[in-house]
């Protein structure tokens, strides 16, 4: 099994914006250094399903279906929301 690669949320968001602009998956992969085309497809699926909070989760940390991230306090939740906005 291969090594897992963690991409920053900014790369994921940029890949989604590029895909929405009509840029091919191959070009996105070359420009952003993404190794697997299914990764871009996954991020697009999250975007279309309104699960953009998943862009900020670490590798291997999957939340249960229908639930968002758990926060330690209200400030942490607001910081995450502000990063998204």
C-alpha atoms as a PDB file:
ATOM      1  CA  UNK A   1       0.000   0.000   0.000  1.00  0.00           C
ATOM      2  CA  UNK A   2       1.274   3.469  -0.869  1.00  0.00           C
ATOM      3  CA  UNK A   3       2.172   6.326   1.387  1.00  0.00           C
ATOM      4  CA  UNK A   4      -0.649   8.683   2.247  1.00  0.00           C
ATOM      5  CA  UNK A   5      -0.176  12.264   1.139  1.00  0.00           C
ATOM      6  CA  UNK A   6      -1.732  15.144   3.024  1.00  0.00           C
ATOM      7  CA  UNK A   7      -2.640  18.242   1.015  1.00  0.00           C
ATOM      8  CA  UNK A   8      -3.322  21.558   2.739  1.00  0.00           C
ATOM      9  CA  UNK A   9      -6.901  22.841   2.659  1.00  0.00           C
ATOM     10  CA  UNK A  10      -5.752  25.705   0.414  1.00  0.00           C
ATOM     11  CA  UNK A  11      -4.611  23.220  -2.271  1.00  0.00           C
ATOM     12  CA  UNK A  12      -7.920  21.364  -2.075  1.00  0.00           C
ATOM     13  CA  UNK A  13      -9.896  24.603  -2.381  1.00  0.00           C
ATOM     14  CA  UNK A  14      -7.739  25.794  -5.282  1.00  0.00           C
ATOM     15  CA  UNK A  15      -8.183  22.466  -7.089  1.00  0.00           C
ATOM     16  CA  UNK A  16     -11.969  22.744  -6.746  1.00  0.00           C
ATOM     17  CA  UNK A  17     -11.967  26.333  -8.023  1.00  0.00           C
ATOM     18  CA  UNK A  18      -9.785  25.371 -10.989  1.00  0.00           C
ATOM     19  CA  UNK A  19     -12.081  22.449 -11.824  1.00  0.00           C
ATOM     20  CA  UNK A  20     -15.130  24.742 -11.624  1.00  0.00           C
ATOM     21  CA  UNK A  21     -13.340  27.093 -14.036  1.00  0.00           C
ATOM     22  CA  UNK A  22     -13.146  24.260 -16.565  1.00  0.00           C
ATOM     23  CA  UNK A  23      -9.492  23.321 -16.204  1.00  0.00           C
ATOM     24  CA  UNK A  24      -8.784  19.641 -16.856  1.00  0.00           C
ATOM     25  CA  UNK A  25      -7.934  17.288 -14.009  1.00  0.00           C
ATOM     26  CA  UNK A  26      -4.551  16.540 -15.615  1.00  0.00           C
ATOM     27  CA  UNK A  27      -3.618  20.253 -15.672  1.00  0.00           C
ATOM     28  CA  UNK A  28      -4.741  20.663 -12.059  1.00  0.00           C
ATOM     29  CA  UNK A  29      -2.628  17.687 -11.010  1.00  0.00           C
ATOM     30  CA  UNK A  30       0.444  19.038 -12.824  1.00  0.00           C
ATOM     31  CA  UNK A  31       0.094  22.572 -11.454  1.00  0.00           C
ATOM     32  CA  UNK A  32      -0.639  21.630  -7.837  1.00  0.00           C
ATOM     33  CA  UNK A  33       1.507  18.492  -7.603  1.00  0.00           C
ATOM     34  CA  UNK A  34      -1.380  16.118  -6.927  1.00  0.00           C
ATOM     35  CA  UNK A  35      -0.442  12.486  -7.507  1.00  0.00           C
ATOM     36  CA  UNK A  36      -3.847  10.807  -7.892  1.00  0.00           C
ATOM     37  CA  UNK A  37      -6.709  11.944 -10.113  1.00  0.00           C
ATOM     38  CA  UNK A  38      -9.313  10.378  -7.840  1.00  0.00           C
ATOM     39  CA  UNK A  39      -8.256  12.839  -5.153  1.00  0.00           C
ATOM     40  CA  UNK A  40      -9.578  15.758  -7.206  1.00  0.00           C
ATOM     41  CA  UNK A  41     -12.812  13.829  -7.825  1.00  0.00           C
ATOM     42  CA  UNK A  42     -13.209  13.250  -4.087  1.00  0.00           C
ATOM     43  CA  UNK A  43     -12.731  16.937  -3.314  1.00  0.00           C
ATOM     44  CA  UNK A  44     -15.283  17.858  -5.981  1.00  0.00           C
ATOM     45  CA  UNK A  45     -17.757  15.395  -4.460  1.00  0.00           C
ATOM     46  CA  UNK A  46     -17.239  16.967  -1.023  1.00  0.00           C
ATOM     47  CA  UNK A  47     -17.722  20.435  -2.514  1.00  0.00           C
ATOM     48  CA  UNK A  48     -20.956  19.491  -4.290  1.00  0.00           C
ATOM     49  CA  UNK A  49     -22.298  17.751  -1.171  1.00  0.00           C
ATOM     50  CA  UNK A  50     -21.571  20.808   0.994  1.00  0.00           C
ATOM     51  CA  UNK A  51     -18.920  18.945   2.987  1.00  0.00           C
ATOM     52  CA  UNK A  52     -16.169  21.532   2.628  1.00  0.00           C
ATOM     53  CA  UNK A  53     -15.331  21.133   6.331  1.00  0.00           C
ATOM     54  CA  UNK A  54     -13.644  17.899   5.226  1.00  0.00           C
ATOM     55  CA  UNK A  55     -10.925  19.940   3.451  1.00  0.00           C
ATOM     56  CA  UNK A  56      -9.479  20.722   6.891  1.00  0.00           C
ATOM     57  CA  UNK A  57      -9.463  17.194   8.343  1.00  0.00           C
ATOM     58  CA  UNK A  58      -6.202  15.251   8.651  1.00  0.00           C
ATOM     59  CA  UNK A  59      -5.406  12.184   6.541  1.00  0.00           C
ATOM     60  CA  UNK A  60      -7.309   9.153   7.749  1.00  0.00           C
ATOM     61  CA  UNK A  61      -9.670  11.205   9.911  1.00  0.00           C
ATOM     62  CA  UNK A  62     -13.098  10.537   8.469  1.00  0.00           C
ATOM     63  CA  UNK A  63     -16.175  11.777  10.247  1.00  0.00           C
ATOM     64  CA  UNK A  64     -19.327   9.715  10.501  1.00  0.00           C
ATOM     65  CA  UNK A  65     -21.867  10.249   7.749  1.00  0.00           C
ATOM     66  CA  UNK A  66     -23.923  13.385   8.288  1.00  0.00           C
ATOM     67  CA  UNK A  67     -21.700  14.804  11.012  1.00  0.00           C
ATOM     68  CA  UNK A  68     -19.252  17.643  10.790  1.00  0.00           C
ATOM     69  CA  UNK A  69     -16.049  18.081  12.729  1.00  0.00           C
ATOM     70  CA  UNK A  70     -16.098  18.171  16.501  1.00  0.00           C
ATOM     71  CA  UNK A  71     -14.683  21.305  18.083  1.00  0.00           C
ATOM     72  CA  UNK A  72     -13.148  21.877  21.481  1.00  0.00           C
ATOM     73  CA  UNK A  73     -14.958  25.185  21.901  1.00  0.00           C
ATOM     74  CA  UNK A  74     -16.912  27.879  20.090  1.00  0.00           C
ATOM     75  CA  UNK A  75     -13.763  29.866  19.181  1.00  0.00           C
ATOM     76  CA  UNK A  76     -12.290  26.879  17.335  1.00  0.00           C
ATOM     77  CA  UNK A  77     -15.539  26.419  15.389  1.00  0.00           C
ATOM     78  CA  UNK A  78     -15.595  30.108  14.433  1.00  0.00           C
ATOM     79  CA  UNK A  79     -11.942  30.051  13.326  1.00  0.00           C
ATOM     80  CA  UNK A  80     -12.650  27.087  11.042  1.00  0.00           C
ATOM     81  CA  UNK A  81     -15.720  28.815   9.629  1.00  0.00           C
ATOM     82  CA  UNK A  82     -13.733  32.002   9.011  1.00  0.00           C
ATOM     83  CA  UNK A  83     -11.002  30.052   7.171  1.00  0.00           C
ATOM     84  CA  UNK A  84     -13.690  28.616   4.920  1.00  0.00           C
ATOM     85  CA  UNK A  85     -15.239  32.012   4.222  1.00  0.00           C
END
